[in-house]
Amino acid sequence: MGAHFADQDAGGNVWSLTLEDSTERPVTHLEGKRGRIAGQSIATDGTFLYFIWGQNRSDIWVMDVVTDVDE
């Protein structure tokens, strides 16, 4: 039997913790992926892990600022 927890400091991966001997092992490989696990809600049905994946997106705008305008 194991428990799962999100380790946001190590690439945001989900790890499995075996309660009998406290063995930890990663069960996802999320390093380098855009986004992160949103919150700490992780569920499993024994086959799959379910969690919310969040991505922040934004646009970058560039403009020239003209300070000398000949009138």
PDB file of N, CA and C in Angstrom:
ATOM      1  N   MET A   1       0.854  -1.186   0.000  1.00  0.00           N
ATOM      2  CA  MET A   1       0.000   0.000   0.000  1.00  0.00           C
ATOM      3  C   MET A   1       0.883   1.226   0.000  1.00  0.00           C
ATOM      4  N   GLY A   2       0.488   2.271  -0.718  1.00  0.00           N
ATOM      5  CA  GLY A   2       1.291   3.477  -0.793  1.00  0.00           C
ATOM      6  C   GLY A   2       0.434   4.713  -0.723  1.00  0.00           C
ATOM      7  N   ALA A   3       1.092   5.808  -0.492  1.00  0.00           N
ATOM      8  CA  ALA A   3       0.445   7.107  -0.525  1.00  0.00           C
ATOM      9  C   ALA A   3       1.156   7.919  -1.590  1.00  0.00           C
ATOM     10  N   HIS A   4       0.489   8.915  -2.146  1.00  0.00           N
ATOM     11  CA  HIS A   4       1.093   9.753  -3.171  1.00  0.00           C
ATOM     12  C   HIS A   4       1.101  11.201  -2.701  1.00  0.00           C
ATOM     13  N   PHE A   5       2.160  11.892  -3.066  1.00  0.00           N
ATOM     14  CA  PHE A   5       2.229  13.301  -2.735  1.00  0.00           C
ATOM     15  C   PHE A   5       2.948  14.042  -3.845  1.00  0.00           C
ATOM     16  N   ALA A   6       2.665  15.331  -3.977  1.00  0.00           N
ATOM     17  CA  ALA A   6       3.318  16.159  -5.003  1.00  0.00           C
ATOM     18  C   ALA A   6       4.503  16.861  -4.377  1.00  0.00           C
ATOM     19  N   ASP A   7       5.636  16.773  -5.013  1.00  0.00           N
ATOM     20  CA  ASP A   7       6.834  17.455  -4.560  1.00  0.00           C
ATOM     21  C   ASP A   7       7.112  18.594  -5.512  1.00  0.00           C
ATOM     22  N   GLN A   8       6.607  19.767  -5.216  1.00  0.00           N
ATOM     23  CA  GLN A   8       6.732  20.916  -6.103  1.00  0.00           C
ATOM     24  C   GLN A   8       8.173  21.413  -6.198  1.00  0.00           C
ATOM     25  N   ASP A   9       9.011  21.127  -5.227  1.00  0.00           N
ATOM     26  CA  ASP A   9      10.386  21.612  -5.238  1.00  0.00           C
ATOM     27  C   ASP A   9      11.296  20.796  -6.141  1.00  0.00           C
ATOM     28  N   ALA A  10      10.914  19.614  -6.533  1.00  0.00           N
ATOM     29  CA  ALA A  10      11.768  18.743  -7.348  1.00  0.00           C
ATOM     30  C   ALA A  10      11.168  18.559  -8.737  1.00  0.00           C
ATOM     31  N   GLY A  11      10.856  19.654  -9.403  1.00  0.00           N
ATOM     32  CA  GLY A  11      10.315  19.570 -10.748  1.00  0.00           C
ATOM     33  C   GLY A  11       8.826  19.363 -10.792  1.00  0.00           C
ATOM     34  N   GLY A  12       8.149  19.380  -9.649  1.00  0.00           N
ATOM     35  CA  GLY A  12       6.703  19.238  -9.622  1.00  0.00           C
ATOM     36  C   GLY A  12       6.220  17.818  -9.830  1.00  0.00           C
ATOM     37  N   ASN A  13       7.072  16.839  -9.631  1.00  0.00           N
ATOM     38  CA  ASN A  13       6.690  15.447  -9.849  1.00  0.00           C
ATOM     39  C   ASN A  13       5.798  14.904  -8.749  1.00  0.00           C
ATOM     40  N   VAL A  14       5.083  13.840  -9.080  1.00  0.00           N
ATOM     41  CA  VAL A  14       4.300  13.090  -8.103  1.00  0.00           C
ATOM     42  C   VAL A  14       5.149  11.890  -7.696  1.00  0.00           C
ATOM     43  N   TRP A  15       5.237  11.668  -6.411  1.00  0.00           N
ATOM     44  CA  TRP A  15       6.039  10.577  -5.865  1.00  0.00           C
ATOM     45  C   TRP A  15       5.142   9.577  -5.148  1.00  0.00           C
ATOM     46  N   SER A  16       5.581   8.350  -5.106  1.00  0.00           N
ATOM     47  CA  SER A  16       4.891   7.308  -4.358  1.00  0.00           C
ATOM     48  C   SER A  16       5.677   7.047  -3.076  1.00  0.00           C
ATOM     49  N   LEU A  17       4.971   6.961  -1.984  1.00  0.00           N
ATOM     50  CA  LEU A  17       5.570   6.662  -0.686  1.00  0.00           C
ATOM     51  C   LEU A  17       4.987   5.348  -0.197  1.00  0.00           C
ATOM     52  N   THR A  18       5.829   4.330  -0.036  1.00  0.00           N
ATOM     53  CA  THR A  18       5.385   3.050   0.502  1.00  0.00           C
ATOM     54  C   THR A  18       5.371   3.164   2.018  1.00  0.00           C
ATOM     55  N   LEU A  19       4.216   2.927   2.603  1.00  0.00           N
ATOM     56  CA  LEU A  19       4.068   3.136   4.036  1.00  0.00           C
ATOM     57  C   LEU A  19       4.806   2.092   4.876  1.00  0.00           C
ATOM     58  N   GLU A  20       4.964   0.881   4.359  1.00  0.00           N
ATOM     59  CA  GLU A  20       5.605  -0.170   5.140  1.00  0.00           C
ATOM     60  C   GLU A  20       7.076   0.117   5.428  1.00  0.00           C
ATOM     61  N   ASP A  21       7.823   0.605   4.403  1.00  0.00           N
ATOM     62  CA  ASP A  21       9.258   0.821   4.602  1.00  0.00           C
ATOM     63  C   ASP A  21       9.710   2.242   4.260  1.00  0.00           C
ATOM     64  N   SER A  22       8.778   3.149   4.059  1.00  0.00           N
ATOM     65  CA  SER A  22       9.053   4.565   3.757  1.00  0.00           C
ATOM     66  C   SER A  22       9.882   4.764   2.494  1.00  0.00           C
ATOM     67  N   THR A  23       9.768   3.844   1.526  1.00  0.00           N
ATOM     68  CA  THR A  23      10.471   3.982   0.256  1.00  0.00           C
ATOM     69  C   THR A  23       9.745   5.001  -0.612  1.00  0.00           C
ATOM     70  N   GLU A  24      10.507   5.936  -1.193  1.00  0.00           N
ATOM     71  CA  GLU A  24       9.945   6.942  -2.084  1.00  0.00           C
ATOM     72  C   GLU A  24      10.446   6.689  -3.501  1.00  0.00           C
ATOM     73  N   ARG A  25       9.553   6.903  -4.496  1.00  0.00           N
ATOM     74  CA  ARG A  25       9.970   6.796  -5.891  1.00  0.00           C
ATOM     75  C   ARG A  25       9.071   7.695  -6.732  1.00  0.00           C
ATOM     76  N   PRO A  26       9.639   8.324  -7.773  1.00  0.00           N
ATOM     77  CA  PRO A  26       8.816   9.177  -8.632  1.00  0.00           C
ATOM     78  C   PRO A  26       7.914   8.316  -9.516  1.00  0.00           C
ATOM     79  N   VAL A  27       6.700   8.787  -9.742  1.00  0.00           N
ATOM     80  CA  VAL A  27       5.771   8.077 -10.634  1.00  0.00           C
ATOM     81  C   VAL A  27       5.396   8.930 -11.846  1.00  0.00           C
ATOM     82  N   THR A  28       5.930  10.152 -11.926  1.00  0.00           N
ATOM     83  CA  THR A  28       5.767  11.001 -13.103  1.00  0.00           C
ATOM     84  C   THR A  28       7.126  11.583 -13.472  1.00  0.00           C
ATOM     85  N   HIS A  29       7.222  12.065 -14.702  1.00  0.00           N
ATOM     86  CA  HIS A  29       8.432  12.732 -15.186  1.00  0.00           C
ATOM     87  C   HIS A  29       7.996  14.051 -15.810  1.00  0.00           C
ATOM     88  N   LEU A  30       7.863  15.075 -14.980  1.00  0.00           N
ATOM     89  CA  LEU A  30       7.301  16.347 -15.420  1.00  0.00           C
ATOM     90  C   LEU A  30       8.355  17.429 -15.603  1.00  0.00           C
ATOM     91  N   GLU A  31       9.636  17.116 -15.378  1.00  0.00           N
ATOM     92  CA  GLU A  31      10.674  18.115 -15.533  1.00  0.00           C
ATOM     93  C   GLU A  31      10.668  18.647 -16.965  1.00  0.00           C
ATOM     94  N   GLY A  32      10.787  19.957 -17.094  1.00  0.00           N
ATOM     95  CA  GLY A  32      10.839  20.576 -18.414  1.00  0.00           C
ATOM     96  C   GLY A  32       9.480  20.816 -19.058  1.00  0.00           C
ATOM     97  N   LYS A  33       8.412  20.341 -18.451  1.00  0.00           N
ATOM     98  CA  LYS A  33       7.071  20.548 -18.995  1.00  0.00           C
ATOM     99  C   LYS A  33       6.574  21.935 -18.577  1.00  0.00           C
ATOM    100  N   ARG A  34       5.864  22.597 -19.479  1.00  0.00           N
ATOM    101  CA  ARG A  34       5.258  23.874 -19.121  1.00  0.00           C
ATOM    102  C   ARG A  34       4.102  23.630 -18.171  1.00  0.00           C
ATOM    103  N   GLY A  35       4.039  24.428 -17.127  1.00  0.00           N
ATOM    104  CA  GLY A  35       2.958  24.307 -16.166  1.00  0.00           C
ATOM    105  C   GLY A  35       3.405  23.600 -14.904  1.00  0.00           C
ATOM    106  N   ARG A  36       2.422  23.255 -14.096  1.00  0.00           N
ATOM    107  CA  ARG A  36       2.705  22.604 -12.819  1.00  0.00           C
ATOM    108  C   ARG A  36       1.424  21.945 -12.300  1.00  0.00           C
ATOM    109  N   ILE A  37       1.592  21.100 -11.332  1.00  0.00           N
ATOM    110  CA  ILE A  37       0.426  20.519 -10.668  1.00  0.00           C
ATOM    111  C   ILE A  37      -0.224  21.628  -9.859  1.00  0.00           C
ATOM    112  N   ALA A  38      -1.503  21.852 -10.094  1.00  0.00           N
ATOM    113  CA  ALA A  38      -2.236  22.917  -9.411  1.00  0.00           C
ATOM    114  C   ALA A  38      -2.843  22.372  -8.127  1.00  0.00           C
ATOM    115  N   GLY A  39      -2.428  22.914  -7.016  1.00  0.00           N
ATOM    116  CA  GLY A  39      -2.935  22.466  -5.727  1.00  0.00           C
ATOM    117  C   GLY A  39      -2.314  21.151  -5.297  1.00  0.00           C
ATOM    118  N   GLN A  40      -2.892  20.556  -4.293  1.00  0.00           N
ATOM    119  CA  GLN A  40      -2.380  19.308  -3.746  1.00  0.00           C
ATOM    120  C   GLN A  40      -3.374  18.159  -3.881  1.00  0.00           C
ATOM    121  N   SER A  41      -4.365  18.301  -4.743  1.00  0.00           N
ATOM    122  CA  SER A  41      -5.382  17.265  -4.907  1.00  0.00           C
ATOM    123  C   SER A  41      -4.925  16.234  -5.927  1.00  0.00           C
ATOM    124  N   ILE A  42      -4.612  15.058  -5.444  1.00  0.00           N
ATOM    125  CA  ILE A  42      -4.193  13.942  -6.299  1.00  0.00           C
ATOM    126  C   ILE A  42      -5.068  12.748  -5.921  1.00  0.00           C
ATOM    127  N   ALA A  43      -5.603  12.090  -6.932  1.00  0.00           N
ATOM    128  CA  ALA A  43      -6.449  10.918  -6.694  1.00  0.00           C
ATOM    129  C   ALA A  43      -5.941   9.768  -7.547  1.00  0.00           C
ATOM    130  N   THR A  44      -6.237   8.557  -7.136  1.00  0.00           N
ATOM    131  CA  THR A  44      -5.885   7.376  -7.915  1.00  0.00           C
ATOM    132  C   THR A  44      -7.001   6.351  -7.824  1.00  0.00           C
ATOM    133  N   ASP A  45      -7.119   5.554  -8.877  1.00  0.00           N
ATOM    134  CA  ASP A  45      -8.055   4.431  -8.858  1.00  0.00           C
ATOM    135  C   ASP A  45      -7.283   3.107  -8.829  1.00  0.00           C
ATOM    136  N   GLY A  46      -5.982   3.185  -8.553  1.00  0.00           N
ATOM    137  CA  GLY A  46      -5.142   1.997  -8.533  1.00  0.00           C
ATOM    138  C   GLY A  46      -4.455   1.741  -9.863  1.00  0.00           C
ATOM    139  N   THR A  47      -4.918   2.399 -10.916  1.00  0.00           N
ATOM    140  CA  THR A  47      -4.314   2.261 -12.241  1.00  0.00           C
ATOM    141  C   THR A  47      -3.772   3.594 -12.731  1.00  0.00           C
ATOM    142  N   PHE A  48      -4.545   4.665 -12.562  1.00  0.00           N
ATOM    143  CA  PHE A  48      -4.168   5.992 -13.034  1.00  0.00           C
ATOM    144  C   PHE A  48      -4.110   6.967 -11.875  1.00  0.00           C
ATOM    145  N   LEU A  49      -3.283   8.010 -12.059  1.00  0.00           N
ATOM    146  CA  LEU A  49      -3.274   9.144 -11.142  1.00  0.00           C
ATOM    147  C   LEU A  49      -4.046  10.278 -11.797  1.00  0.00           C
ATOM    148  N   TYR A  50      -4.783  11.020 -11.005  1.00  0.00           N
ATOM    149  CA  TYR A  50      -5.561  12.149 -11.508  1.00  0.00           C
ATOM    150  C   TYR A  50      -5.148  13.389 -10.729  1.00  0.00           C
ATOM    151  N   PHE A  51      -4.833  14.452 -11.459  1.00  0.00           N
ATOM    152  CA  PHE A  51      -4.502  15.716 -10.828  1.00  0.00           C
ATOM    153  C   PHE A  51      -4.781  16.841 -11.814  1.00  0.00           C
ATOM    154  N   ILE A  52      -4.840  18.047 -11.303  1.00  0.00           N
ATOM    155  CA  ILE A  52      -5.097  19.221 -12.133  1.00  0.00           C
ATOM    156  C   ILE A  52      -3.759  19.797 -12.573  1.00  0.00           C
ATOM    157  N   TRP A  53      -3.623  20.028 -13.876  1.00  0.00           N
ATOM    158  CA  TRP A  53      -2.411  20.602 -14.437  1.00  0.00           C
ATOM    159  C   TRP A  53      -2.702  22.047 -14.830  1.00  0.00           C
ATOM    160  N   GLY A  54      -1.938  22.985 -14.294  1.00  0.00           N
ATOM    161  CA  GLY A  54      -2.153  24.393 -14.587  1.00  0.00           C
ATOM    162  C   GLY A  54      -1.038  24.967 -15.439  1.00  0.00           C
ATOM    163  N   GLN A  55      -1.418  25.802 -16.398  1.00  0.00           N
ATOM    164  CA  GLN A  55      -0.462  26.508 -17.235  1.00  0.00           C
ATOM    165  C   GLN A  55      -0.818  27.984 -17.256  1.00  0.00           C
ATOM    166  N   ASN A  56       0.156  28.814 -16.970  1.00  0.00           N
ATOM    167  CA  ASN A  56      -0.037  30.256 -17.098  1.00  0.00           C
ATOM    168  C   ASN A  56       0.452  30.658 -18.476  1.00  0.00           C
ATOM    169  N   ARG A  57      -0.385  31.331 -19.188  1.00  0.00           N
ATOM    170  CA  ARG A  57      -0.013  31.814 -20.513  1.00  0.00           C
ATOM    171  C   ARG A  57      -0.216  33.310 -20.560  1.00  0.00           C
ATOM    172  N   SER A  58       0.649  33.960 -21.308  1.00  0.00           N
ATOM    173  CA  SER A  58       0.502  35.397 -21.475  1.00  0.00           C
ATOM    174  C   SER A  58       1.142  35.807 -22.792  1.00  0.00           C
ATOM    175  N   ASP A  59       0.808  36.997 -23.225  1.00  0.00           N
ATOM    176  CA  ASP A  59       1.383  37.560 -24.434  1.00  0.00           C
ATOM    177  C   ASP A  59       2.416  38.605 -24.043  1.00  0.00           C
ATOM    178  N   ILE A  60       3.469  38.682 -24.817  1.00  0.00           N
ATOM    179  CA  ILE A  60       4.464  39.725 -24.628  1.00  0.00           C
ATOM    180  C   ILE A  60       4.297  40.723 -25.764  1.00  0.00           C
ATOM    181  N   TRP A  61       4.167  41.975 -25.395  1.00  0.00           N
ATOM    182  CA  TRP A  61       3.970  43.022 -26.391  1.00  0.00           C
ATOM    183  C   TRP A  61       5.196  43.921 -26.399  1.00  0.00           C
ATOM    184  N   VAL A  62       5.598  44.335 -27.584  1.00  0.00           N
ATOM    185  CA  VAL A  62       6.736  45.229 -27.758  1.00  0.00           C
ATOM    186  C   VAL A  62       6.271  46.414 -28.560  1.00  0.00           C
ATOM    187  N   MET A  63       6.684  47.618 -28.120  1.00  0.00           N
ATOM    188  CA  MET A  63       6.365  48.808 -28.908  1.00  0.00           C
ATOM    189  C   MET A  63       7.522  49.776 -28.814  1.00  0.00           C
ATOM    190  N   ASP A  64       7.667  50.562 -29.840  1.00  0.00           N
ATOM    191  CA  ASP A  64       8.674  51.628 -29.846  1.00  0.00           C
ATOM    192  C   ASP A  64       8.077  52.849 -29.171  1.00  0.00           C
ATOM    193  N   VAL A  65       8.810  53.425 -28.255  1.00  0.00           N
ATOM    194  CA  VAL A  65       8.370  54.639 -27.585  1.00  0.00           C
ATOM    195  C   VAL A  65       9.126  55.803 -28.218  1.00  0.00           C
ATOM    196  N   VAL A  66       8.379  56.724 -28.804  1.00  0.00           N
ATOM    197  CA  VAL A  66       8.976  57.885 -29.456  1.00  0.00           C
ATOM    198  C   VAL A  66       8.829  59.075 -28.529  1.00  0.00           C
ATOM    199  N   THR A  67       9.948  59.693 -28.208  1.00  0.00           N
ATOM    200  CA  THR A  67       9.892  60.841 -27.321  1.00  0.00           C
ATOM    201  C   THR A  67      10.090  62.158 -28.044  1.00  0.00           C
ATOM    202  N   ASP A  68      10.723  62.140 -29.242  1.00  0.00           N
ATOM    203  CA  ASP A  68      10.960  63.367 -30.040  1.00  0.00           C
ATOM    204  C   ASP A  68      10.050  63.319 -31.257  1.00  0.00           C
ATOM    205  N   VAL A  69       9.002  64.070 -31.238  1.00  0.00           N
ATOM    206  CA  VAL A  69       8.102  64.110 -32.375  1.00  0.00           C
ATOM    207  C   VAL A  69       8.196  65.516 -32.976  1.00  0.00           C
ATOM    208  N   ASP A  70       8.605  65.576 -34.232  1.00  0.00           N
ATOM    209  CA  ASP A  70       8.650  66.862 -34.930  1.00  0.00           C
ATOM    210  C   ASP A  70       7.234  67.247 -35.331  1.00  0.00           C
ATOM    211  N   GLU A  71       6.821  68.415 -34.902  1.00  0.00           N
ATOM    212  CA  GLU A  71       5.467  68.858 -35.245  1.00  0.00           C
ATOM    213  C   GLU A  71       5.504  69.922 -36.276  1.00  0.00           C
TER     214      GLU A  71
END
